[in-house]
PDB file of N, CA and C in Angstrom:
ATOM      1  N   MET A   1      86.778 127.438  98.079  1.00  0.00           N
ATOM      2  CA  MET A   1      87.302 126.935  96.585  1.00  0.00           C
ATOM      3  C   MET A   1      87.302 125.426  96.716  1.00  0.00           C
ATOM      4  N   VAL A   2      87.180 124.858  95.420  1.00  0.00           N
ATOM      5  CA  VAL A   2      87.103 123.664  95.213  1.00  0.00           C
ATOM      6  C   VAL A   2      88.125 122.590  94.835  1.00  0.00           C
ATOM      7  N   LYS A   3      88.444 121.917  95.691  1.00  0.00           N
ATOM      8  CA  LYS A   3      89.551 120.925  95.463  1.00  0.00           C
ATOM      9  C   LYS A   3      89.130 119.791  94.680  1.00  0.00           C
ATOM     10  N   ILE A   4      90.450 119.248  94.268  1.00  0.00           N
ATOM     11  CA  ILE A   4      90.469 117.453  93.983  1.00  0.00           C
ATOM     12  C   ILE A   4      91.376 117.013  94.429  1.00  0.00           C
ATOM     13  N   ARG A   5      90.911 115.967  95.046  1.00  0.00           N
ATOM     14  CA  ARG A   5      91.885 115.650  96.487  1.00  0.00           C
ATOM     15  C   ARG A   5      91.102 113.773  96.357  1.00  0.00           C
ATOM     16  N   LEU A   6      91.651 113.182  97.520  1.00  0.00           N
ATOM     17  CA  LEU A   6      91.366 111.711  97.028  1.00  0.00           C
ATOM     18  C   LEU A   6      90.820 111.493  98.424  1.00  0.00           C
ATOM     19  N   MET A   7      89.953 110.637  98.845  1.00  0.00           N
ATOM     20  CA  MET A   7      89.054 109.977 100.202  1.00  0.00           C
ATOM     21  C   MET A   7      89.016 108.776 100.435  1.00  0.00           C
ATOM     22  N   ARG A   8      89.518 108.717 101.520  1.00  0.00           N
ATOM     23  CA  ARG A   8      89.802 107.344 101.567  1.00  0.00           C
ATOM     24  C   ARG A   8      88.706 106.711 102.312  1.00  0.00           C
ATOM     25  N   ALA A   9      88.409 105.260 101.676  1.00  0.00           N
ATOM     26  CA  ALA A   9      87.335 104.397 101.869  1.00  0.00           C
ATOM     27  C   ALA A   9      88.128 102.536 101.982  1.00  0.00           C
ATOM     28  N   GLY A  10      87.263 102.108 102.158  1.00  0.00           N
ATOM     29  CA  GLY A  10      87.714 100.412 102.406  1.00  0.00           C
ATOM     30  C   GLY A  10      88.203 100.166 104.333  1.00  0.00           C
ATOM     31  N   ALA A  11      88.761  99.101 104.230  1.00  0.00           N
ATOM     32  CA  ALA A  11      88.732  98.519 105.770  1.00  0.00           C
ATOM     33  C   ALA A  11      89.908  98.681 106.508  1.00  0.00           C
ATOM     34  N   LYS A  12      89.950  98.206 107.773  1.00  0.00           N
ATOM     35  CA  LYS A  12      91.427  98.611 108.121  1.00  0.00           C
ATOM     36  C   LYS A  12      92.553  97.550 107.525  1.00  0.00           C
ATOM     37  N   SER A  13      93.484  98.605 107.299  1.00  0.00           N
ATOM     38  CA  SER A  13      94.834  97.378 106.451  1.00  0.00           C
ATOM     39  C   SER A  13      94.113  97.627 104.890  1.00  0.00           C
ATOM     40  N   ARG A  14      93.217  97.715 104.361  1.00  0.00           N
ATOM     41  CA  ARG A  14      92.799  97.492 103.119  1.00  0.00           C
ATOM     42  C   ARG A  14      92.079  98.857 102.179  1.00  0.00           C
ATOM     43  N   PRO A  15      93.182  99.565 101.836  1.00  0.00           N
ATOM     44  CA  PRO A  15      92.619 100.968 101.616  1.00  0.00           C
ATOM     45  C   PRO A  15      92.480 100.713 100.256  1.00  0.00           C
ATOM     46  N   TYR A  16      91.210 101.835 100.053  1.00  0.00           N
ATOM     47  CA  TYR A  16      90.375 102.067  98.912  1.00  0.00           C
ATOM     48  C   TYR A  16      90.628 103.496  98.260  1.00  0.00           C
ATOM     49  N   TYR A  17      90.466 103.954  97.598  1.00  0.00           N
ATOM     50  CA  TYR A  17      90.722 105.684  97.557  1.00  0.00           C
ATOM     51  C   TYR A  17      89.879 105.916  96.300  1.00  0.00           C
ATOM     52  N   ARG A  18      88.964 107.078  96.406  1.00  0.00           N
ATOM     53  CA  ARG A  18      87.962 107.908  95.423  1.00  0.00           C
ATOM     54  C   ARG A  18      88.753 108.965  95.270  1.00  0.00           C
ATOM     55  N   LEU A  19      88.851 109.346  93.948  1.00  0.00           N
ATOM     56  CA  LEU A  19      89.459 111.102  93.518  1.00  0.00           C
ATOM     57  C   LEU A  19      87.884 111.502  93.540  1.00  0.00           C
ATOM     58  N   ILE A  20      87.604 112.800  93.949  1.00  0.00           N
ATOM     59  CA  ILE A  20      86.769 113.404  94.679  1.00  0.00           C
ATOM     60  C   ILE A  20      87.060 115.031  94.106  1.00  0.00           C
ATOM     61  N   ALA A  21      85.807 115.795  93.716  1.00  0.00           N
ATOM     62  CA  ALA A  21      85.793 116.848  93.705  1.00  0.00           C
ATOM     63  C   ALA A  21      85.421 117.585  95.315  1.00  0.00           C
ATOM     64  N   ILE A  22      85.346 118.349  96.167  1.00  0.00           N
ATOM     65  CA  ILE A  22      85.029 118.870  97.052  1.00  0.00           C
ATOM     66  C   ILE A  22      85.399 120.209  97.680  1.00  0.00           C
ATOM     67  N   ASP A  23      84.581 120.522  98.326  1.00  0.00           N
ATOM     68  CA  ASP A  23      84.951 122.138  98.863  1.00  0.00           C
ATOM     69  C   ASP A  23      86.037 122.284 100.186  1.00  0.00           C
ATOM     70  N   GLU A  24      87.178 122.711  99.826  1.00  0.00           N
ATOM     71  CA  GLU A  24      88.605 122.321 100.539  1.00  0.00           C
ATOM     72  C   GLU A  24      88.296 122.722 102.112  1.00  0.00           C
ATOM     73  N   ARG A  25      87.385 123.090 102.536  1.00  0.00           N
ATOM     74  CA  ARG A  25      87.255 122.738 103.920  1.00  0.00           C
ATOM     75  C   ARG A  25      86.155 121.910 104.901  1.00  0.00           C
ATOM     76  N   ALA A  26      85.803 120.835 103.741  1.00  0.00           N
ATOM     77  CA  ALA A  26      85.416 120.457 104.030  1.00  0.00           C
ATOM     78  C   ALA A  26      86.082 118.814 104.676  1.00  0.00           C
ATOM     79  N   PRO A  27      85.825 117.860 105.386  1.00  0.00           N
ATOM     80  CA  PRO A  27      86.718 116.987 106.151  1.00  0.00           C
ATOM     81  C   PRO A  27      86.945 116.142 104.934  1.00  0.00           C
ATOM     82  N   ARG A  28      88.123 115.241 105.257  1.00  0.00           N
ATOM     83  CA  ARG A  28      88.573 114.017 104.088  1.00  0.00           C
ATOM     84  C   ARG A  28      87.567 113.585 103.910  1.00  0.00           C
ATOM     85  N   ASP A  29      86.867 112.766 104.428  1.00  0.00           N
ATOM     86  CA  ASP A  29      85.524 111.919 104.077  1.00  0.00           C
ATOM     87  C   ASP A  29      84.008 112.539 104.175  1.00  0.00           C
ATOM     88  N   GLY A  30      84.295 113.963 104.042  1.00  0.00           N
ATOM     89  CA  GLY A  30      83.040 115.005 104.129  1.00  0.00           C
ATOM     90  C   GLY A  30      81.975 114.690 102.681  1.00  0.00           C
ATOM     91  N   ARG A  31      81.014 115.284 102.417  1.00  0.00           N
ATOM     92  CA  ARG A  31      80.322 115.361 101.444  1.00  0.00           C
ATOM     93  C   ARG A  31      81.161 115.868 100.096  1.00  0.00           C
ATOM     94  N   LYS A  32      81.243 115.012  99.043  1.00  0.00           N
ATOM     95  CA  LYS A  32      81.711 115.630  97.943  1.00  0.00           C
ATOM     96  C   LYS A  32      80.708 115.946  97.132  1.00  0.00           C
ATOM     97  N   LEU A  33      81.407 116.372  96.175  1.00  0.00           N
ATOM     98  CA  LEU A  33      80.552 117.179  95.198  1.00  0.00           C
ATOM     99  C   LEU A  33      80.173 116.082  94.072  1.00  0.00           C
ATOM    100  N   GLU A  34      81.179 115.557  93.234  1.00  0.00           N
ATOM    101  CA  GLU A  34      81.288 115.040  92.516  1.00  0.00           C
ATOM    102  C   GLU A  34      82.541 113.768  92.496  1.00  0.00           C
ATOM    103  N   GLU A  35      82.092 112.163  91.826  1.00  0.00           N
ATOM    104  CA  GLU A  35      83.551 111.200  91.786  1.00  0.00           C
ATOM    105  C   GLU A  35      84.064 111.658  90.400  1.00  0.00           C
ATOM    106  N   LEU A  36      85.303 111.354  90.657  1.00  0.00           N
ATOM    107  CA  LEU A  36      85.839 111.741  89.408  1.00  0.00           C
ATOM    108  C   LEU A  36      87.081 110.196  89.056  1.00  0.00           C
ATOM    109  N   GLY A  37      87.041 109.506  89.744  1.00  0.00           N
ATOM    110  CA  GLY A  37      87.801 108.572  90.044  1.00  0.00           C
ATOM    111  C   GLY A  37      87.954 107.321  91.099  1.00  0.00           C
ATOM    112  N   THR A  38      88.505 106.406  90.479  1.00  0.00           N
ATOM    113  CA  THR A  38      88.751 105.330  91.975  1.00  0.00           C
ATOM    114  C   THR A  38      90.597 104.774  91.582  1.00  0.00           C
ATOM    115  N   TYR A  39      91.223 104.550  92.946  1.00  0.00           N
ATOM    116  CA  TYR A  39      92.299 103.809  93.116  1.00  0.00           C
ATOM    117  C   TYR A  39      92.271 102.868  93.904  1.00  0.00           C
ATOM    118  N   ASP A  40      92.924 101.722  93.372  1.00  0.00           N
ATOM    119  CA  ASP A  40      92.966 100.727  94.741  1.00  0.00           C
ATOM    120  C   ASP A  40      94.496 100.200  94.797  1.00  0.00           C
ATOM    121  N   PRO A  41      95.248 100.209  95.625  1.00  0.00           N
ATOM    122  CA  PRO A  41      96.561 100.155  95.948  1.00  0.00           C
ATOM    123  C   PRO A  41      97.297  98.916  95.807  1.00  0.00           C
ATOM    124  N   ILE A  42      95.783  98.209  96.358  1.00  0.00           N
ATOM    125  CA  ILE A  42      96.314  96.787  96.849  1.00  0.00           C
ATOM    126  C   ILE A  42      95.948  95.500  95.832  1.00  0.00           C
ATOM    127  N   ALA A  43      95.266  96.125  94.861  1.00  0.00           N
ATOM    128  CA  ALA A  43      94.960  94.706  93.974  1.00  0.00           C
ATOM    129  C   ALA A  43      96.142  94.841  92.747  1.00  0.00           C
ATOM    130  N   LYS A  44      96.382  93.024  92.368  1.00  0.00           N
ATOM    131  CA  LYS A  44      97.733  93.246  91.631  1.00  0.00           C
ATOM    132  C   LYS A  44      97.504  94.051  90.769  1.00  0.00           C
ATOM    133  N   GLY A  45      98.774  94.609  90.526  1.00  0.00           N
ATOM    134  CA  GLY A  45      99.310  95.981  90.136  1.00  0.00           C
ATOM    135  C   GLY A  45      98.176  97.036  89.934  1.00  0.00           C
ATOM    136  N   PRO A  46      98.500  98.242  91.038  1.00  0.00           N
ATOM    137  CA  PRO A  46      97.827  99.004  91.130  1.00  0.00           C
ATOM    138  C   PRO A  46      96.860  99.079  90.239  1.00  0.00           C
ATOM    139  N   GLN A  47      95.350  99.293  90.529  1.00  0.00           N
ATOM    140  CA  GLN A  47      94.050  99.749  89.407  1.00  0.00           C
ATOM    141  C   GLN A  47      93.970 101.695  89.730  1.00  0.00           C
ATOM    142  N   ILE A  48      93.920 102.143  88.345  1.00  0.00           N
ATOM    143  CA  ILE A  48      93.914 103.504  88.357  1.00  0.00           C
ATOM    144  C   ILE A  48      92.322 103.758  87.610  1.00  0.00           C
ATOM    145  N   LYS A  49      91.222 104.049  87.549  1.00  0.00           N
ATOM    146  CA  LYS A  49      90.067 104.553  86.891  1.00  0.00           C
ATOM    147  C   LYS A  49      89.873 105.732  86.671  1.00  0.00           C
ATOM    148  N   LEU A  50      90.202 106.625  86.120  1.00  0.00           N
ATOM    149  CA  LEU A  50      89.639 108.056  85.872  1.00  0.00           C
ATOM    150  C   LEU A  50      88.710 108.437  84.880  1.00  0.00           C
ATOM    151  N   ASN A  51      87.828 109.917  85.144  1.00  0.00           N
ATOM    152  CA  ASN A  51      87.227 110.161  84.049  1.00  0.00           C
ATOM    153  C   ASN A  51      87.915 111.193  83.845  1.00  0.00           C
ATOM    154  N   GLY A  52      88.686 111.157  82.619  1.00  0.00           N
ATOM    155  CA  GLY A  52      89.029 112.793  82.299  1.00  0.00           C
ATOM    156  C   GLY A  52      88.299 113.687  82.133  1.00  0.00           C
ATOM    157  N   GLU A  53      86.892 113.468  81.435  1.00  0.00           N
ATOM    158  CA  GLU A  53      86.085 114.873  81.240  1.00  0.00           C
ATOM    159  C   GLU A  53      85.822 115.333  82.033  1.00  0.00           C
ATOM    160  N   LYS A  54      85.571 114.593  83.623  1.00  0.00           N
ATOM    161  CA  LYS A  54      85.050 115.083  84.718  1.00  0.00           C
ATOM    162  C   LYS A  54      86.069 116.102  85.298  1.00  0.00           C
ATOM    163  N   ILE A  55      87.062 115.332  85.050  1.00  0.00           N
ATOM    164  CA  ILE A  55      88.740 116.243  85.686  1.00  0.00           C
ATOM    165  C   ILE A  55      88.663 117.193  84.813  1.00  0.00           C
ATOM    166  N   THR A  56      88.952 117.574  84.225  1.00  0.00           N
ATOM    167  CA  THR A  56      88.814 118.864  82.867  1.00  0.00           C
ATOM    168  C   THR A  56      87.762 119.341  83.429  1.00  0.00           C
ATOM    169  N   LYS A  57      86.528 119.276  83.379  1.00  0.00           N
ATOM    170  CA  LYS A  57      85.435 119.997  83.725  1.00  0.00           C
ATOM    171  C   LYS A  57      85.966 121.107  84.756  1.00  0.00           C
ATOM    172  N   TRP A  58      86.042 120.184  85.998  1.00  0.00           N
ATOM    173  CA  TRP A  58      86.598 120.669  87.265  1.00  0.00           C
ATOM    174  C   TRP A  58      87.408 121.568  87.055  1.00  0.00           C
ATOM    175  N   VAL A  59      88.832 121.167  86.897  1.00  0.00           N
ATOM    176  CA  VAL A  59      89.637 122.134  86.302  1.00  0.00           C
ATOM    177  C   VAL A  59      89.382 123.201  85.665  1.00  0.00           C
ATOM    178  N   SER A  60      88.911 123.345  84.651  1.00  0.00           N
ATOM    179  CA  SER A  60      88.414 124.491  83.670  1.00  0.00           C
ATOM    180  C   SER A  60      87.511 125.493  84.670  1.00  0.00           C
ATOM    181  N   ARG A  61      86.982 125.133  85.808  1.00  0.00           N
ATOM    182  CA  ARG A  61      85.864 125.673  86.558  1.00  0.00           C
ATOM    183  C   ARG A  61      86.894 126.221  87.390  1.00  0.00           C
ATOM    184  N   GLY A  62      87.982 125.910  87.563  1.00  0.00           N
ATOM    185  CA  GLY A  62      88.722 126.551  88.809  1.00  0.00           C
ATOM    186  C   GLY A  62      89.038 125.395  90.251  1.00  0.00           C
ATOM    187  N   ALA A  63      88.870 124.209  89.655  1.00  0.00           N
ATOM    188  CA  ALA A  63      89.418 123.452  90.997  1.00  0.00           C
ATOM    189  C   ALA A  63      90.736 123.034  91.158  1.00  0.00           C
ATOM    190  N   GLN A  64      91.269 123.164  92.374  1.00  0.00           N
ATOM    191  CA  GLN A  64      93.036 123.350  92.347  1.00  0.00           C
ATOM    192  C   GLN A  64      93.312 121.506  93.120  1.00  0.00           C
ATOM    193  N   MET A  65      93.865 120.925  92.320  1.00  0.00           N
ATOM    194  CA  MET A  65      94.174 119.343  92.734  1.00  0.00           C
ATOM    195  C   MET A  65      95.280 119.542  93.961  1.00  0.00           C
ATOM    196  N   SER A  66      95.372 118.709  94.976  1.00  0.00           N
ATOM    197  CA  SER A  66      96.371 118.255  95.806  1.00  0.00           C
ATOM    198  C   SER A  66      96.987 117.763  95.127  1.00  0.00           C
ATOM    199  N   PRO A  67      98.228 117.830  95.737  1.00  0.00           N
ATOM    200  CA  PRO A  67      99.787 116.887  95.238  1.00  0.00           C
ATOM    201  C   PRO A  67      99.271 115.507  95.085  1.00  0.00           C
ATOM    202  N   ALA A  68      98.498 114.777  96.102  1.00  0.00           N
ATOM    203  CA  ALA A  68      98.655 113.333  95.622  1.00  0.00           C
ATOM    204  C   ALA A  68      97.512 112.942  94.303  1.00  0.00           C
ATOM    205  N   ALA A  69      96.621 114.237  94.500  1.00  0.00           N
ATOM    206  CA  ALA A  69      95.830 113.949  93.235  1.00  0.00           C
ATOM    207  C   ALA A  69      96.264 113.843  91.954  1.00  0.00           C
ATOM    208  N   LYS A  70      97.049 114.915  91.743  1.00  0.00           N
ATOM    209  CA  LYS A  70      97.800 115.496  90.591  1.00  0.00           C
ATOM    210  C   LYS A  70      98.974 114.201  90.409  1.00  0.00           C
ATOM    211  N   ALA A  71      99.589 113.749  91.099  1.00  0.00           N
ATOM    212  CA  ALA A  71     100.342 112.612  90.905  1.00  0.00           C
ATOM    213  C   ALA A  71     100.087 111.106  90.643  1.00  0.00           C
ATOM    214  N   LEU A  72      98.748 111.094  91.225  1.00  0.00           N
ATOM    215  CA  LEU A  72      97.842 109.832  90.903  1.00  0.00           C
ATOM    216  C   LEU A  72      97.403 109.914  89.340  1.00  0.00           C
ATOM    217  N   ILE A  73      96.655 111.283  89.013  1.00  0.00           N
ATOM    218  CA  ILE A  73      96.326 111.503  87.702  1.00  0.00           C
ATOM    219  C   ILE A  73      97.631 111.626  86.383  1.00  0.00           C
ATOM    220  N   LYS A  74      98.922 111.820  87.059  1.00  0.00           N
ATOM    221  CA  LYS A  74      99.736 111.708  85.863  1.00  0.00           C
ATOM    222  C   LYS A  74      99.929 110.511  85.884  1.00  0.00           C
ATOM    223  N   ARG A  75     100.179 109.652  86.965  1.00  0.00           N
ATOM    224  CA  ARG A  75     100.340 108.279  86.759  1.00  0.00           C
ATOM    225  C   ARG A  75      99.358 107.235  85.887  1.00  0.00           C
ATOM    226  N   GLY A  76      98.417 107.588  86.264  1.00  0.00           N
ATOM    227  CA  GLY A  76      97.013 107.006  85.531  1.00  0.00           C
ATOM    228  C   GLY A  76      97.169 107.190  84.058  1.00  0.00           C
ATOM    229  N   LYS A  77      97.501 108.076  83.463  1.00  0.00           N
ATOM    230  CA  LYS A  77      97.673 108.835  82.479  1.00  0.00           C
ATOM    231  C   LYS A  77      98.920 107.749  81.876  1.00  0.00           C
ATOM    232  N   LYS A  78      99.841 108.031  82.637  1.00  0.00           N
ATOM    233  CA  LYS A  78     101.257 107.120  81.518  1.00  0.00           C
ATOM    234  C   LYS A  78     100.787 105.568  81.779  1.00  0.00           C
ATOM    235  N   LEU A  79      99.805 105.184  82.615  1.00  0.00           N
ATOM    236  CA  LEU A  79      99.021 103.737  82.687  1.00  0.00           C
ATOM    237  C   LEU A  79      98.523 102.878  81.630  1.00  0.00           C
ATOM    238  N   GLU A  80      97.654 103.989  81.402  1.00  0.00           N
ATOM    239  CA  GLU A  80      96.787 104.046  80.268  1.00  0.00           C
ATOM    240  C   GLU A  80      97.530 103.835  78.819  1.00  0.00           C
ATOM    241  N   ALA A  81      98.310 104.810  79.038  1.00  0.00           N
ATOM    242  CA  ALA A  81      99.241 105.135  77.658  1.00  0.00           C
ATOM    243  C   ALA A  81     100.421 103.743  77.023  1.00  0.00           C
ATOM    244  N   THR A  82     100.711 103.355  78.487  1.00  0.00           N
ATOM    245  CA  THR A  82     101.137 101.890  78.128  1.00  0.00           C
ATOM    246  C   THR A  82     100.484 100.817  77.922  1.00  0.00           C
ATOM    247  N   LEU A  83      99.025 100.581  78.472  1.00  0.00           N
ATOM    248  CA  LEU A  83      98.392  99.631  77.960  1.00  0.00           C
ATOM    249  C   LEU A  83      97.854  99.759  76.671  1.00  0.00           C
ATOM    250  N   LEU A  84      97.808 100.912  76.202  1.00  0.00           N
ATOM    251  CA  LEU A  84      97.708 101.047  74.540  1.00  0.00           C
ATOM    252  C   LEU A  84      98.214 100.547  73.753  1.00  0.00           C
ATOM    253  N   ALA A  85      99.705 101.179  74.316  1.00  0.00           N
ATOM    254  CA  ALA A  85     100.818 100.805  73.805  1.00  0.00           C
ATOM    255  C   ALA A  85     100.997  98.974  73.289  1.00  0.00           C
ATOM    256  N   ALA A  86     100.504  98.285  74.715  1.00  0.00           N
ATOM    257  CA  ALA A  86     100.601  97.282  74.208  1.00  0.00           C
ATOM    258  C   ALA A  86      99.781  96.288  73.616  1.00  0.00           C
ATOM    259  N   ALA A  87      98.696  97.228  73.386  1.00  0.00           N
ATOM    260  CA  ALA A  87      97.281  96.523  73.055  1.00  0.00           C
ATOM    261  C   ALA A  87      97.408  96.546  71.182  1.00  0.00           C
ATOM    262  N   ALA A  88      98.227  97.757  70.760  1.00  0.00           N
ATOM    263  CA  ALA A  88      98.350  97.951  69.544  1.00  0.00           C
ATOM    264  C   ALA A  88      99.965  96.801  69.149  1.00  0.00           C
ATOM    265  N   ALA A  89     100.642  96.904  70.200  1.00  0.00           N
ATOM    266  CA  ALA A  89     101.911  95.548  69.613  1.00  0.00           C
ATOM    267  C   ALA A  89     101.153  94.557  69.296  1.00  0.00           C
ATOM    268  N   SER A  90     100.511  94.100  70.247  1.00  0.00           N
ATOM    269  CA  SER A  90      99.690  92.855  70.196  1.00  0.00           C
ATOM    270  C   SER A  90      99.075  92.860  69.222  1.00  0.00           C
ATOM    271  N   GLN A  91      98.109  93.389  68.263  1.00  0.00           N
ATOM    272  CA  GLN A  91      97.001  93.443  67.230  1.00  0.00           C
ATOM    273  C   GLN A  91      98.162  93.592  66.300  1.00  0.00           C
ATOM    274  N   ALA A  92      99.580  94.194  66.110  1.00  0.00           N
ATOM    275  CA  ALA A  92     100.265  94.242  64.872  1.00  0.00           C
ATOM    276  C   ALA A  92     100.947  92.380  64.745  1.00  0.00           C
ATOM    277  N   THR A  93     101.438  92.335  65.997  1.00  0.00           N
ATOM    278  CA  THR A  93     101.618  90.678  65.720  1.00  0.00           C
ATOM    279  C   THR A  93     100.643  89.935  65.418  1.00  0.00           C
ATOM    280  N   ALA A  94      99.294  89.607  65.815  1.00  0.00           N
ATOM    281  CA  ALA A  94      98.217  88.766  65.453  1.00  0.00           C
ATOM    282  C   ALA A  94      97.989  88.933  63.976  1.00  0.00           C
TER     283      ALA A  94
END
């Protein structure tokens, strides 16, 4: 079965994560099927970059999300909606 989960990268005490599609039997940092996004918790204001089309494609194929991946995707969508609302508000005042 294919899982959507996080793969750790980065140096010691400087984590950086990749959201990937991977076979569930593979180790955490094993060979990935496809990279779906990134997450940098150390940057000023955590940076989340997701490819929604790829995530939707893998979920429609039957991929299961880990709890951490599900929470990250939910948080990324909320962050994106906040940024869009702020951009719309700044255009309305200009």
